[in-house]
Amino acid sequence: MKLILAVVEDKDSSRLIDALSKSDFKTTKLSSTGGFLKEGNTTLMIGCQDDYVDQALEIIKKNSSQREQMVAPISPMGGNTDSYIPQPINIEVGGAIVFVLPVDQFHQF
């Protein structure tokens, strides 16, 4: 058995959850926040048998689109200049970050 942790952009989460549900994958949705842009993400926990991991990964790949986004300068007013961006830049957002972890035990009470 495996546990799939998929971190996706909030904009993709509903479409992805619907697609996973149509293929009988049960998901748990967690709200999370990204580190760089400090914007909302969705982390999905998906438990499945080893034989179905590739199918789940394909669904995640098809329903997590990447796109470019313009990021405006972030003011260093808080005193921390480590993350200061002096001019607007285009960055790639979206897609999915996926971890596949082994599950030693699973209990449902």
C-alpha atoms as a PDB file:
ATOM      1  CA  MET A   1       0.000   0.000   0.000  1.00  0.00           C
ATOM      2  CA  LYS A   2       1.149   3.557  -0.734  1.00  0.00           C
ATOM      3  CA  LEU A   3       0.263   7.031   0.482  1.00  0.00           C
ATOM      4  CA  ILE A   4       0.365   9.688  -2.219  1.00  0.00           C
ATOM      5  CA  LEU A   5       0.783  13.276  -1.044  1.00  0.00           C
ATOM      6  CA  ALA A   6       0.037  15.720  -3.842  1.00  0.00           C
ATOM      7  CA  VAL A   7       0.492  19.463  -3.359  1.00  0.00           C
ATOM      8  CA  VAL A   8      -1.468  21.364  -6.012  1.00  0.00           C
ATOM      9  CA  GLU A   9      -2.581  24.927  -6.563  1.00  0.00           C
ATOM     10  CA  ASP A  10      -6.022  25.741  -5.148  1.00  0.00           C
ATOM     11  CA  LYS A  11      -7.260  26.533  -8.682  1.00  0.00           C
ATOM     12  CA  ASP A  12      -6.646  22.908  -9.731  1.00  0.00           C
ATOM     13  CA  SER A  13      -7.890  21.147  -6.610  1.00  0.00           C
ATOM     14  CA  SER A  14     -11.625  20.798  -7.386  1.00  0.00           C
ATOM     15  CA  ARG A  15     -11.011  19.456 -10.892  1.00  0.00           C
ATOM     16  CA  LEU A  16      -8.396  17.028  -9.575  1.00  0.00           C
ATOM     17  CA  ILE A  17     -10.552  15.762  -6.705  1.00  0.00           C
ATOM     18  CA  ASP A  18     -13.457  15.184  -9.122  1.00  0.00           C
ATOM     19  CA  ALA A  19     -11.218  13.236 -11.512  1.00  0.00           C
ATOM     20  CA  LEU A  20      -9.807  11.108  -8.698  1.00  0.00           C
ATOM     21  CA  SER A  21     -13.302  10.401  -7.354  1.00  0.00           C
ATOM     22  CA  LYS A  22     -14.514   9.275 -10.786  1.00  0.00           C
ATOM     23  CA  SER A  23     -11.757   6.647 -10.724  1.00  0.00           C
ATOM     24  CA  ASP A  24     -12.726   5.562  -7.179  1.00  0.00           C
ATOM     25  CA  PHE A  25      -9.722   7.100  -5.418  1.00  0.00           C
ATOM     26  CA  LYS A  26     -10.578   8.351  -1.940  1.00  0.00           C
ATOM     27  CA  THR A  27      -8.887  11.613  -1.025  1.00  0.00           C
ATOM     28  CA  THR A  28      -8.427  13.754   2.042  1.00  0.00           C
ATOM     29  CA  LYS A  29      -8.021  17.456   1.337  1.00  0.00           C
ATOM     30  CA  LEU A  30      -5.771  19.638   3.500  1.00  0.00           C
ATOM     31  CA  SER A  31      -5.301  23.379   3.156  1.00  0.00           C
ATOM     32  CA  SER A  32      -1.660  24.417   2.957  1.00  0.00           C
ATOM     33  CA  THR A  33       0.400  27.490   2.132  1.00  0.00           C
ATOM     34  CA  GLY A  34       3.342  27.706  -0.241  1.00  0.00           C
ATOM     35  CA  GLY A  35       6.640  29.082   0.982  1.00  0.00           C
ATOM     36  CA  PHE A  36       7.747  31.331  -1.882  1.00  0.00           C
ATOM     37  CA  LEU A  37       4.517  33.067  -2.924  1.00  0.00           C
ATOM     38  CA  LYS A  38       2.773  32.462   0.396  1.00  0.00           C
ATOM     39  CA  GLU A  39      -0.412  31.605  -1.500  1.00  0.00           C
ATOM     40  CA  GLY A  40      -2.936  28.899  -0.764  1.00  0.00           C
ATOM     41  CA  ASN A  41      -2.305  25.354  -1.921  1.00  0.00           C
ATOM     42  CA  THR A  42      -4.179  22.135  -1.474  1.00  0.00           C
ATOM     43  CA  THR A  43      -2.467  19.007  -0.218  1.00  0.00           C
ATOM     44  CA  LEU A  44      -4.261  15.781  -1.088  1.00  0.00           C
ATOM     45  CA  MET A  45      -3.665  12.536   0.763  1.00  0.00           C
ATOM     46  CA  ILE A  46      -4.523   9.508  -1.357  1.00  0.00           C
ATOM     47  CA  GLY A  47      -4.145   5.968  -0.083  1.00  0.00           C
ATOM     48  CA  CYS A  48      -4.058   3.213  -2.700  1.00  0.00           C
ATOM     49  CA  GLN A  49      -2.738  -0.234  -3.469  1.00  0.00           C
ATOM     50  CA  ASP A  50       0.629  -0.438  -5.222  1.00  0.00           C
ATOM     51  CA  ASP A  51      -1.001  -1.534  -8.501  1.00  0.00           C
ATOM     52  CA  TYR A  52      -2.978   1.726  -8.744  1.00  0.00           C
ATOM     53  CA  VAL A  53      -0.210   4.261  -8.061  1.00  0.00           C
ATOM     54  CA  ASP A  54       0.576   4.843 -11.753  1.00  0.00           C
ATOM     55  CA  GLN A  55      -3.108   5.428 -12.524  1.00  0.00           C
ATOM     56  CA  ALA A  56      -3.391   7.974  -9.694  1.00  0.00           C
ATOM     57  CA  LEU A  57      -0.210   9.750 -10.829  1.00  0.00           C
ATOM     58  CA  GLU A  58      -1.544  10.002 -14.393  1.00  0.00           C
ATOM     59  CA  ILE A  59      -4.787  11.576 -13.132  1.00  0.00           C
ATOM     60  CA  ILE A  60      -2.810  14.070 -11.041  1.00  0.00           C
ATOM     61  CA  LYS A  61      -0.592  14.929 -14.018  1.00  0.00           C
ATOM     62  CA  LYS A  62      -3.559  15.492 -16.364  1.00  0.00           C
ATOM     63  CA  ASN A  63      -5.438  17.708 -13.908  1.00  0.00           C
ATOM     64  CA  SER A  64      -2.655  19.904 -12.528  1.00  0.00           C
ATOM     65  CA  SER A  65      -1.802  22.525 -15.105  1.00  0.00           C
ATOM     66  CA  GLN A  66       1.287  24.728 -15.082  1.00  0.00           C
ATOM     67  CA  ARG A  67       0.990  28.386 -16.037  1.00  0.00           C
ATOM     68  CA  GLU A  68       2.987  31.582 -15.791  1.00  0.00           C
ATOM     69  CA  GLN A  69       2.133  34.277 -13.297  1.00  0.00           C
ATOM     70  CA  MET A  70       3.500  37.794 -12.905  1.00  0.00           C
ATOM     71  CA  VAL A  71       4.780  38.413  -9.377  1.00  0.00           C
ATOM     72  CA  ALA A  72       4.923  42.032  -8.216  1.00  0.00           C
ATOM     73  CA  PRO A  73       7.767  43.291  -6.034  1.00  0.00           C
ATOM     74  CA  ILE A  74       7.549  42.233  -2.407  1.00  0.00           C
ATOM     75  CA  SER A  75       8.450  45.047  -0.031  1.00  0.00           C
ATOM     76  CA  PRO A  76      11.159  44.351   2.550  1.00  0.00           C
ATOM     77  CA  MET A  77       9.283  46.509   5.107  1.00  0.00           C
ATOM     78  CA  GLY A  78       9.461  43.761   7.722  1.00  0.00           C
ATOM     79  CA  GLY A  79      13.227  44.058   7.815  1.00  0.00           C
ATOM     80  CA  ASN A  80      13.860  40.738   6.074  1.00  0.00           C
ATOM     81  CA  THR A  81      15.470  41.390   2.697  1.00  0.00           C
ATOM     82  CA  ASP A  82      16.172  37.710   1.939  1.00  0.00           C
ATOM     83  CA  SER A  83      13.030  37.341  -0.197  1.00  0.00           C
ATOM     84  CA  TYR A  84      12.965  40.836  -1.699  1.00  0.00           C
ATOM     85  CA  ILE A  85      12.168  40.911  -5.426  1.00  0.00           C
ATOM     86  CA  PRO A  86      13.096  44.359  -6.838  1.00  0.00           C
ATOM     87  CA  GLN A  87      10.974  44.174 -10.033  1.00  0.00           C
ATOM     88  CA  PRO A  88       8.018  42.171 -11.373  1.00  0.00           C
ATOM     89  CA  ILE A  89       8.987  38.768 -12.736  1.00  0.00           C
ATOM     90  CA  ASN A  90       7.201  35.917 -14.495  1.00  0.00           C
ATOM     91  CA  ILE A  91       7.304  32.642 -12.630  1.00  0.00           C
ATOM     92  CA  GLU A  92       5.847  29.226 -13.368  1.00  0.00           C
ATOM     93  CA  VAL A  93       3.084  28.202 -10.964  1.00  0.00           C
ATOM     94  CA  GLY A  94       0.740  25.256 -10.802  1.00  0.00           C
ATOM     95  CA  GLY A  95       1.487  21.693 -11.608  1.00  0.00           C
ATOM     96  CA  ALA A  96       1.875  19.281  -8.729  1.00  0.00           C
ATOM     97  CA  ILE A  97       4.515  18.222  -6.258  1.00  0.00           C
ATOM     98  CA  VAL A  98       3.909  14.549  -5.489  1.00  0.00           C
ATOM     99  CA  PHE A  99       5.380  12.238  -2.872  1.00  0.00           C
ATOM    100  CA  VAL A 100       4.706   8.486  -2.907  1.00  0.00           C
ATOM    101  CA  LEU A 101       5.333   6.921   0.484  1.00  0.00           C
ATOM    102  CA  PRO A 102       5.192   3.302   1.619  1.00  0.00           C
ATOM    103  CA  VAL A 103       2.532   2.449   4.191  1.00  0.00           C
ATOM    104  CA  ASP A 104       3.582  -0.146   6.757  1.00  0.00           C
ATOM    105  CA  GLN A 105       0.161  -0.390   8.367  1.00  0.00           C
ATOM    106  CA  PHE A 106      -3.346   0.859   7.652  1.00  0.00           C
ATOM    107  CA  HIS A 107      -6.205   0.772  10.150  1.00  0.00           C
ATOM    108  CA  GLN A 108      -9.758   1.952   9.751  1.00  0.00           C
ATOM    109  CA  PHE A 109     -11.818   2.121  12.944  1.00  0.00           C
END
